[in-house]
Amino acid sequence: MSPEEATGGTLHAVLVESVKRNLEVMEWAGLGLATGTSLANGTVDIPLSEKPMVFYGVTVAGAVALMDLERYRPCAC
């Protein structure tokens, strides 16, 4: 099942929210976890300074270095 198919449902017992609810979800969330693609395609529309945000994936590597953002990379050296 793709994330698009699971939006509004669950995927591996985790609720997958629609990007349309980003602002609403981040009001109550203590931490945002987002793919690098969401930064690259502009779907991270919350002000990045308001809540802790951790990005993961290869796509975001350059952007987080330039913007001094957090990146989760368990297999990187």
PDB file of N, CA and C in Angstrom:
ATOM      1  N   MET A   1       0.848  -1.172   0.000  1.00  0.00           N
ATOM      2  CA  MET A   1       0.000   0.000   0.000  1.00  0.00           C
ATOM      3  C   MET A   1       0.896   1.238   0.000  1.00  0.00           C
ATOM      4  N   SER A   2       0.615   2.148  -0.895  1.00  0.00           N
ATOM      5  CA  SER A   2       1.404   3.374  -0.971  1.00  0.00           C
ATOM      6  C   SER A   2       0.917   4.360   0.095  1.00  0.00           C
ATOM      7  N   PRO A   3       1.759   5.330   0.477  1.00  0.00           N
ATOM      8  CA  PRO A   3       1.313   6.351   1.435  1.00  0.00           C
ATOM      9  C   PRO A   3       0.085   7.107   0.940  1.00  0.00           C
ATOM     10  N   GLU A   4      -0.006   7.323  -0.362  1.00  0.00           N
ATOM     11  CA  GLU A   4      -1.174   8.019  -0.903  1.00  0.00           C
ATOM     12  C   GLU A   4      -2.450   7.231  -0.637  1.00  0.00           C
ATOM     13  N   GLU A   5      -2.366   5.916  -0.750  1.00  0.00           N
ATOM     14  CA  GLU A   5      -3.530   5.063  -0.493  1.00  0.00           C
ATOM     15  C   GLU A   5      -3.875   5.025   0.990  1.00  0.00           C
ATOM     16  N   ALA A   6      -2.872   5.189   1.839  1.00  0.00           N
ATOM     17  CA  ALA A   6      -3.087   5.078   3.278  1.00  0.00           C
ATOM     18  C   ALA A   6      -3.416   6.413   3.933  1.00  0.00           C
ATOM     19  N   THR A   7      -3.300   7.520   3.212  1.00  0.00           N
ATOM     20  CA  THR A   7      -3.560   8.830   3.805  1.00  0.00           C
ATOM     21  C   THR A   7      -4.945   8.855   4.421  1.00  0.00           C
ATOM     22  N   GLY A   8      -4.986   9.256   5.683  1.00  0.00           N
ATOM     23  CA  GLY A   8      -6.246   9.258   6.412  1.00  0.00           C
ATOM     24  C   GLY A   8      -6.525   7.918   7.059  1.00  0.00           C
ATOM     25  N   GLY A   9      -5.679   6.953   6.795  1.00  0.00           N
ATOM     26  CA  GLY A   9      -5.813   5.624   7.383  1.00  0.00           C
ATOM     27  C   GLY A   9      -4.558   5.280   8.149  1.00  0.00           C
ATOM     28  N   THR A  10      -4.263   4.009   8.235  1.00  0.00           N
ATOM     29  CA  THR A  10      -3.066   3.581   8.940  1.00  0.00           C
ATOM     30  C   THR A  10      -2.187   2.764   8.013  1.00  0.00           C
ATOM     31  N   LEU A  11      -0.916   2.827   8.266  1.00  0.00           N
ATOM     32  CA  LEU A  11       0.076   2.050   7.541  1.00  0.00           C
ATOM     33  C   LEU A  11       1.016   1.488   8.594  1.00  0.00           C
ATOM     34  N   HIS A  12       1.054   0.174   8.719  1.00  0.00           N
ATOM     35  CA  HIS A  12       1.856  -0.487   9.755  1.00  0.00           C
ATOM     36  C   HIS A  12       1.491   0.047  11.142  1.00  0.00           C
ATOM     37  N   ALA A  13       0.210   0.220  11.387  1.00  0.00           N
ATOM     38  CA  ALA A  13      -0.353   0.657  12.672  1.00  0.00           C
ATOM     39  C   ALA A  13      -0.030   2.113  13.020  1.00  0.00           C
ATOM     40  N   VAL A  14       0.404   2.896  12.037  1.00  0.00           N
ATOM     41  CA  VAL A  14       0.696   4.309  12.253  1.00  0.00           C
ATOM     42  C   VAL A  14      -0.262   5.129  11.409  1.00  0.00           C
ATOM     43  N   LEU A  15      -0.908   6.119  12.027  1.00  0.00           N
ATOM     44  CA  LEU A  15      -1.817   6.986  11.300  1.00  0.00           C
ATOM     45  C   LEU A  15      -1.045   7.841  10.310  1.00  0.00           C
ATOM     46  N   VAL A  16      -1.479   7.838   9.074  1.00  0.00           N
ATOM     47  CA  VAL A  16      -0.860   8.644   8.030  1.00  0.00           C
ATOM     48  C   VAL A  16      -1.790   9.813   7.745  1.00  0.00           C
ATOM     49  N   GLU A  17      -1.363  11.008   8.107  1.00  0.00           N
ATOM     50  CA  GLU A  17      -2.184  12.199   7.916  1.00  0.00           C
ATOM     51  C   GLU A  17      -1.961  12.779   6.530  1.00  0.00           C
ATOM     52  N   SER A  18      -2.955  13.456   6.030  1.00  0.00           N
ATOM     53  CA  SER A  18      -2.850  14.160   4.765  1.00  0.00           C
ATOM     54  C   SER A  18      -1.992  15.400   4.948  1.00  0.00           C
ATOM     55  N   VAL A  19      -1.265  15.772   3.914  1.00  0.00           N
ATOM     56  CA  VAL A  19      -0.467  16.996   3.955  1.00  0.00           C
ATOM     57  C   VAL A  19      -1.366  18.209   4.195  1.00  0.00           C
ATOM     58  N   LYS A  20      -2.618  18.089   3.866  1.00  0.00           N
ATOM     59  CA  LYS A  20      -3.571  19.182   4.066  1.00  0.00           C
ATOM     60  C   LYS A  20      -3.785  19.481   5.550  1.00  0.00           C
ATOM     61  N   ARG A  21      -3.405  18.558   6.421  1.00  0.00           N
ATOM     62  CA  ARG A  21      -3.599  18.740   7.863  1.00  0.00           C
ATOM     63  C   ARG A  21      -2.307  19.100   8.592  1.00  0.00           C
ATOM     64  N   ASN A  22      -1.236  19.429   7.868  1.00  0.00           N
ATOM     65  CA  ASN A  22       0.054  19.725   8.497  1.00  0.00           C
ATOM     66  C   ASN A  22      -0.047  20.740   9.631  1.00  0.00           C
ATOM     67  N   LEU A  23      -0.652  21.873   9.345  1.00  0.00           N
ATOM     68  CA  LEU A  23      -0.721  22.931  10.358  1.00  0.00           C
ATOM     69  C   LEU A  23      -1.515  22.490  11.575  1.00  0.00           C
ATOM     70  N   GLU A  24      -2.628  21.802  11.350  1.00  0.00           N
ATOM     71  CA  GLU A  24      -3.471  21.322  12.447  1.00  0.00           C
ATOM     72  C   GLU A  24      -2.732  20.295  13.307  1.00  0.00           C
ATOM     73  N   VAL A  25      -2.076  19.365  12.664  1.00  0.00           N
ATOM     74  CA  VAL A  25      -1.347  18.321  13.392  1.00  0.00           C
ATOM     75  C   VAL A  25      -0.181  18.924  14.177  1.00  0.00           C
ATOM     76  N   MET A  26       0.534  19.855  13.569  1.00  0.00           N
ATOM     77  CA  MET A  26       1.686  20.430  14.255  1.00  0.00           C
ATOM     78  C   MET A  26       1.301  21.334  15.422  1.00  0.00           C
ATOM     79  N   GLU A  27       0.027  21.682  15.548  1.00  0.00           N
ATOM     80  CA  GLU A  27      -0.408  22.432  16.725  1.00  0.00           C
ATOM     81  C   GLU A  27      -0.289  21.585  17.984  1.00  0.00           C
ATOM     82  N   TRP A  28      -0.575  20.269  17.882  1.00  0.00           N
ATOM     83  CA  TRP A  28      -0.528  19.422  19.068  1.00  0.00           C
ATOM     84  C   TRP A  28       0.714  18.547  19.117  1.00  0.00           C
ATOM     85  N   ALA A  29       1.392  18.379  18.006  1.00  0.00           N
ATOM     86  CA  ALA A  29       2.567  17.498  17.969  1.00  0.00           C
ATOM     87  C   ALA A  29       3.759  18.168  18.646  1.00  0.00           C
ATOM     88  N   GLY A  30       4.561  17.381  19.304  1.00  0.00           N
ATOM     89  CA  GLY A  30       5.761  17.901  19.936  1.00  0.00           C
ATOM     90  C   GLY A  30       6.976  17.854  19.035  1.00  0.00           C
ATOM     91  N   LEU A  31       6.881  17.058  17.959  1.00  0.00           N
ATOM     92  CA  LEU A  31       8.013  16.851  17.065  1.00  0.00           C
ATOM     93  C   LEU A  31       7.477  16.481  15.694  1.00  0.00           C
ATOM     94  N   GLY A  32       8.059  17.048  14.667  1.00  0.00           N
ATOM     95  CA  GLY A  32       7.705  16.682  13.302  1.00  0.00           C
ATOM     96  C   GLY A  32       8.788  15.798  12.714  1.00  0.00           C
ATOM     97  N   LEU A  33       8.406  14.765  12.005  1.00  0.00           N
ATOM     98  CA  LEU A  33       9.330  13.877  11.303  1.00  0.00           C
ATOM     99  C   LEU A  33       8.898  13.873   9.853  1.00  0.00           C
ATOM    100  N   ALA A  34       9.769  14.303   8.967  1.00  0.00           N
ATOM    101  CA  ALA A  34       9.375  14.466   7.572  1.00  0.00           C
ATOM    102  C   ALA A  34      10.452  13.950   6.630  1.00  0.00           C
ATOM    103  N   THR A  35      10.011  13.474   5.486  1.00  0.00           N
ATOM    104  CA  THR A  35      10.960  13.046   4.456  1.00  0.00           C
ATOM    105  C   THR A  35      11.621  14.262   3.840  1.00  0.00           C
ATOM    106  N   GLY A  36      12.774  14.058   3.278  1.00  0.00           N
ATOM    107  CA  GLY A  36      13.448  15.141   2.579  1.00  0.00           C
ATOM    108  C   GLY A  36      12.650  15.618   1.387  1.00  0.00           C
ATOM    109  N   THR A  37      11.894  14.732   0.776  1.00  0.00           N
ATOM    110  CA  THR A  37      11.074  15.105  -0.369  1.00  0.00           C
ATOM    111  C   THR A  37      10.066  16.172   0.013  1.00  0.00           C
ATOM    112  N   SER A  38       9.531  16.112   1.227  1.00  0.00           N
ATOM    113  CA  SER A  38       8.554  17.122   1.650  1.00  0.00           C
ATOM    114  C   SER A  38       9.174  18.511   1.734  1.00  0.00           C
ATOM    115  N   LEU A  39      10.452  18.587   2.029  1.00  0.00           N
ATOM    116  CA  LEU A  39      11.138  19.875   2.024  1.00  0.00           C
ATOM    117  C   LEU A  39      11.411  20.307   0.582  1.00  0.00           C
ATOM    118  N   ALA A  40      11.808  19.360  -0.245  1.00  0.00           N
ATOM    119  CA  ALA A  40      12.132  19.671  -1.638  1.00  0.00           C
ATOM    120  C   ALA A  40      10.907  20.097  -2.442  1.00  0.00           C
ATOM    121  N   ASN A  41       9.742  19.492  -2.180  1.00  0.00           N
ATOM    122  CA  ASN A  41       8.562  19.825  -2.986  1.00  0.00           C
ATOM    123  C   ASN A  41       7.663  20.867  -2.334  1.00  0.00           C
ATOM    124  N   GLY A  42       8.069  21.393  -1.185  1.00  0.00           N
ATOM    125  CA  GLY A  42       7.356  22.500  -0.568  1.00  0.00           C
ATOM    126  C   GLY A  42       6.133  22.120   0.241  1.00  0.00           C
ATOM    127  N   THR A  43       5.962  20.852   0.592  1.00  0.00           N
ATOM    128  CA  THR A  43       4.800  20.487   1.396  1.00  0.00           C
ATOM    129  C   THR A  43       5.031  20.656   2.889  1.00  0.00           C
ATOM    130  N   VAL A  44       6.229  20.995   3.296  1.00  0.00           N
ATOM    131  CA  VAL A  44       6.470  21.368   4.684  1.00  0.00           C
ATOM    132  C   VAL A  44       6.157  22.853   4.755  1.00  0.00           C
ATOM    133  N   ASP A  45       4.919  23.144   5.126  1.00  0.00           N
ATOM    134  CA  ASP A  45       4.476  24.533   5.095  1.00  0.00           C
ATOM    135  C   ASP A  45       4.382  25.171   6.475  1.00  0.00           C
ATOM    136  N   ILE A  46       4.885  24.481   7.489  1.00  0.00           N
ATOM    137  CA  ILE A  46       4.887  25.073   8.823  1.00  0.00           C
ATOM    138  C   ILE A  46       6.180  25.851   9.013  1.00  0.00           C
ATOM    139  N   PRO A  47       6.154  26.916   9.787  1.00  0.00           N
ATOM    140  CA  PRO A  47       7.404  27.615  10.081  1.00  0.00           C
ATOM    141  C   PRO A  47       8.348  26.676  10.827  1.00  0.00           C
ATOM    142  N   LEU A  48       9.515  26.452  10.279  1.00  0.00           N
ATOM    143  CA  LEU A  48      10.429  25.451  10.833  1.00  0.00           C
ATOM    144  C   LEU A  48      10.982  25.832  12.197  1.00  0.00           C
ATOM    145  N   SER A  49      10.849  27.061  12.609  1.00  0.00           N
ATOM    146  CA  SER A  49      11.389  27.463  13.901  1.00  0.00           C
ATOM    147  C   SER A  49      10.412  27.246  15.052  1.00  0.00           C
ATOM    148  N   GLU A  50       9.140  26.967  14.755  1.00  0.00           N
ATOM    149  CA  GLU A  50       8.140  26.855  15.816  1.00  0.00           C
ATOM    150  C   GLU A  50       8.177  25.527  16.568  1.00  0.00           C
ATOM    151  N   LYS A  51       8.431  24.444  15.893  1.00  0.00           N
ATOM    152  CA  LYS A  51       8.462  23.112  16.513  1.00  0.00           C
ATOM    153  C   LYS A  51       9.710  22.379  16.045  1.00  0.00           C
ATOM    154  N   PRO A  52      10.215  21.473  16.881  1.00  0.00           N
ATOM    155  CA  PRO A  52      11.342  20.655  16.429  1.00  0.00           C
ATOM    156  C   PRO A  52      10.930  19.823  15.220  1.00  0.00           C
ATOM    157  N   MET A  53      11.769  19.806  14.197  1.00  0.00           N
ATOM    158  CA  MET A  53      11.500  19.051  12.982  1.00  0.00           C
ATOM    159  C   MET A  53      12.744  18.254  12.631  1.00  0.00           C
ATOM    160  N   VAL A  54      12.579  16.986  12.374  1.00  0.00           N
ATOM    161  CA  VAL A  54      13.682  16.122  11.973  1.00  0.00           C
ATOM    162  C   VAL A  54      13.355  15.579  10.594  1.00  0.00           C
ATOM    163  N   PHE A  55      14.290  15.741   9.675  1.00  0.00           N
ATOM    164  CA  PHE A  55      14.123  15.247   8.315  1.00  0.00           C
ATOM    165  C   PHE A  55      14.934  13.967   8.146  1.00  0.00           C
ATOM    166  N   TYR A  56      14.470  13.108   7.246  1.00  0.00           N
ATOM    167  CA  TYR A  56      15.217  11.891   6.950  1.00  0.00           C
ATOM    168  C   TYR A  56      15.207  11.658   5.452  1.00  0.00           C
ATOM    169  N   GLY A  57      16.189  10.915   4.992  1.00  0.00           N
ATOM    170  CA  GLY A  57      16.289  10.575   3.584  1.00  0.00           C
ATOM    171  C   GLY A  57      17.456  11.281   2.907  1.00  0.00           C
ATOM    172  N   VAL A  58      17.768  10.801   1.733  1.00  0.00           N
ATOM    173  CA  VAL A  58      18.898  11.323   0.969  1.00  0.00           C
ATOM    174  C   VAL A  58      18.578  12.679   0.349  1.00  0.00           C
ATOM    175  N   THR A  59      17.345  12.882  -0.077  1.00  0.00           N
ATOM    176  CA  THR A  59      16.950  14.106  -0.768  1.00  0.00           C
ATOM    177  C   THR A  59      17.261  15.355   0.040  1.00  0.00           C
ATOM    178  N   VAL A  60      17.207  15.258   1.339  1.00  0.00           N
ATOM    179  CA  VAL A  60      17.329  16.440   2.193  1.00  0.00           C
ATOM    180  C   VAL A  60      18.768  16.712   2.642  1.00  0.00           C
ATOM    181  N   ALA A  61      19.710  15.876   2.295  1.00  0.00           N
ATOM    182  CA  ALA A  61      21.072  15.993   2.818  1.00  0.00           C
ATOM    183  C   ALA A  61      21.680  17.375   2.622  1.00  0.00           C
ATOM    184  N   GLY A  62      21.639  17.898   1.429  1.00  0.00           N
ATOM    185  CA  GLY A  62      22.231  19.207   1.165  1.00  0.00           C
ATOM    186  C   GLY A  62      21.472  20.335   1.829  1.00  0.00           C
ATOM    187  N   ALA A  63      20.149  20.267   1.760  1.00  0.00           N
ATOM    188  CA  ALA A  63      19.319  21.338   2.317  1.00  0.00           C
ATOM    189  C   ALA A  63      19.507  21.476   3.824  1.00  0.00           C
ATOM    190  N   VAL A  64      19.548  20.359   4.551  1.00  0.00           N
ATOM    191  CA  VAL A  64      19.699  20.468   6.007  1.00  0.00           C
ATOM    192  C   VAL A  64      21.063  21.011   6.385  1.00  0.00           C
ATOM    193  N   ALA A  65      22.069  20.677   5.596  1.00  0.00           N
ATOM    194  CA  ALA A  65      23.404  21.213   5.876  1.00  0.00           C
ATOM    195  C   ALA A  65      23.427  22.727   5.664  1.00  0.00           C
ATOM    196  N   LEU A  66      22.803  23.186   4.594  1.00  0.00           N
ATOM    197  CA  LEU A  66      22.775  24.623   4.302  1.00  0.00           C
ATOM    198  C   LEU A  66      21.877  25.401   5.251  1.00  0.00           C
ATOM    199  N   MET A  67      20.783  24.775   5.695  1.00  0.00           N
ATOM    200  CA  MET A  67      19.802  25.466   6.537  1.00  0.00           C
ATOM    201  C   MET A  67      19.991  25.182   8.022  1.00  0.00           C
ATOM    202  N   ASP A  68      20.995  24.374   8.367  1.00  0.00           N
ATOM    203  CA  ASP A  68      21.291  24.018   9.755  1.00  0.00           C
ATOM    204  C   ASP A  68      20.077  23.382  10.445  1.00  0.00           C
ATOM    205  N   LEU A  69      19.474  22.386   9.776  1.00  0.00           N
ATOM    206  CA  LEU A  69      18.327  21.653  10.317  1.00  0.00           C
ATOM    207  C   LEU A  69      18.768  20.279  10.794  1.00  0.00           C
ATOM    208  N   GLU A  70      17.907  19.614  11.554  1.00  0.00           N
ATOM    209  CA  GLU A  70      18.193  18.281  12.063  1.00  0.00           C
ATOM    210  C   GLU A  70      17.947  17.235  10.979  1.00  0.00           C
ATOM    211  N   ARG A  71      18.798  16.236  10.932  1.00  0.00           N
ATOM    212  CA  ARG A  71      18.623  15.128   9.990  1.00  0.00           C
ATOM    213  C   ARG A  71      18.893  13.814  10.700  1.00  0.00           C
ATOM    214  N   TYR A  72      17.983  12.867  10.536  1.00  0.00           N
ATOM    215  CA  TYR A  72      18.139  11.520  11.097  1.00  0.00           C
ATOM    216  C   TYR A  72      18.771  10.666  10.014  1.00  0.00           C
ATOM    217  N   ARG A  73      19.908  10.094  10.325  1.00  0.00           N
ATOM    218  CA  ARG A  73      20.613   9.257   9.355  1.00  0.00           C
ATOM    219  C   ARG A  73      21.294   8.093  10.074  1.00  0.00           C
ATOM    220  N   PRO A  74      20.543   7.033  10.333  1.00  0.00           N
ATOM    221  CA  PRO A  74      21.085   5.935  11.116  1.00  0.00           C
ATOM    222  C   PRO A  74      22.227   5.169  10.447  1.00  0.00           C
ATOM    223  N   CYS A  75      22.321   5.199   9.141  1.00  0.00           N
ATOM    224  CA  CYS A  75      23.357   4.405   8.444  1.00  0.00           C
ATOM    225  C   CYS A  75      24.482   5.272   7.895  1.00  0.00           C
ATOM    226  N   ALA A  76      24.474   6.565   8.182  1.00  0.00           N
ATOM    227  CA  ALA A  76      25.511   7.447   7.648  1.00  0.00           C
ATOM    228  C   ALA A  76      26.748   7.408   8.524  1.00  0.00           C
ATOM    229  N   CYS A  77      27.860   7.691   7.942  1.00  0.00           N
ATOM    230  CA  CYS A  77      29.125   7.735   8.689  1.00  0.00           C
ATOM    231  C   CYS A  77      29.312   9.074   9.350  1.00  0.00           C
TER     232      CYS A  77
END
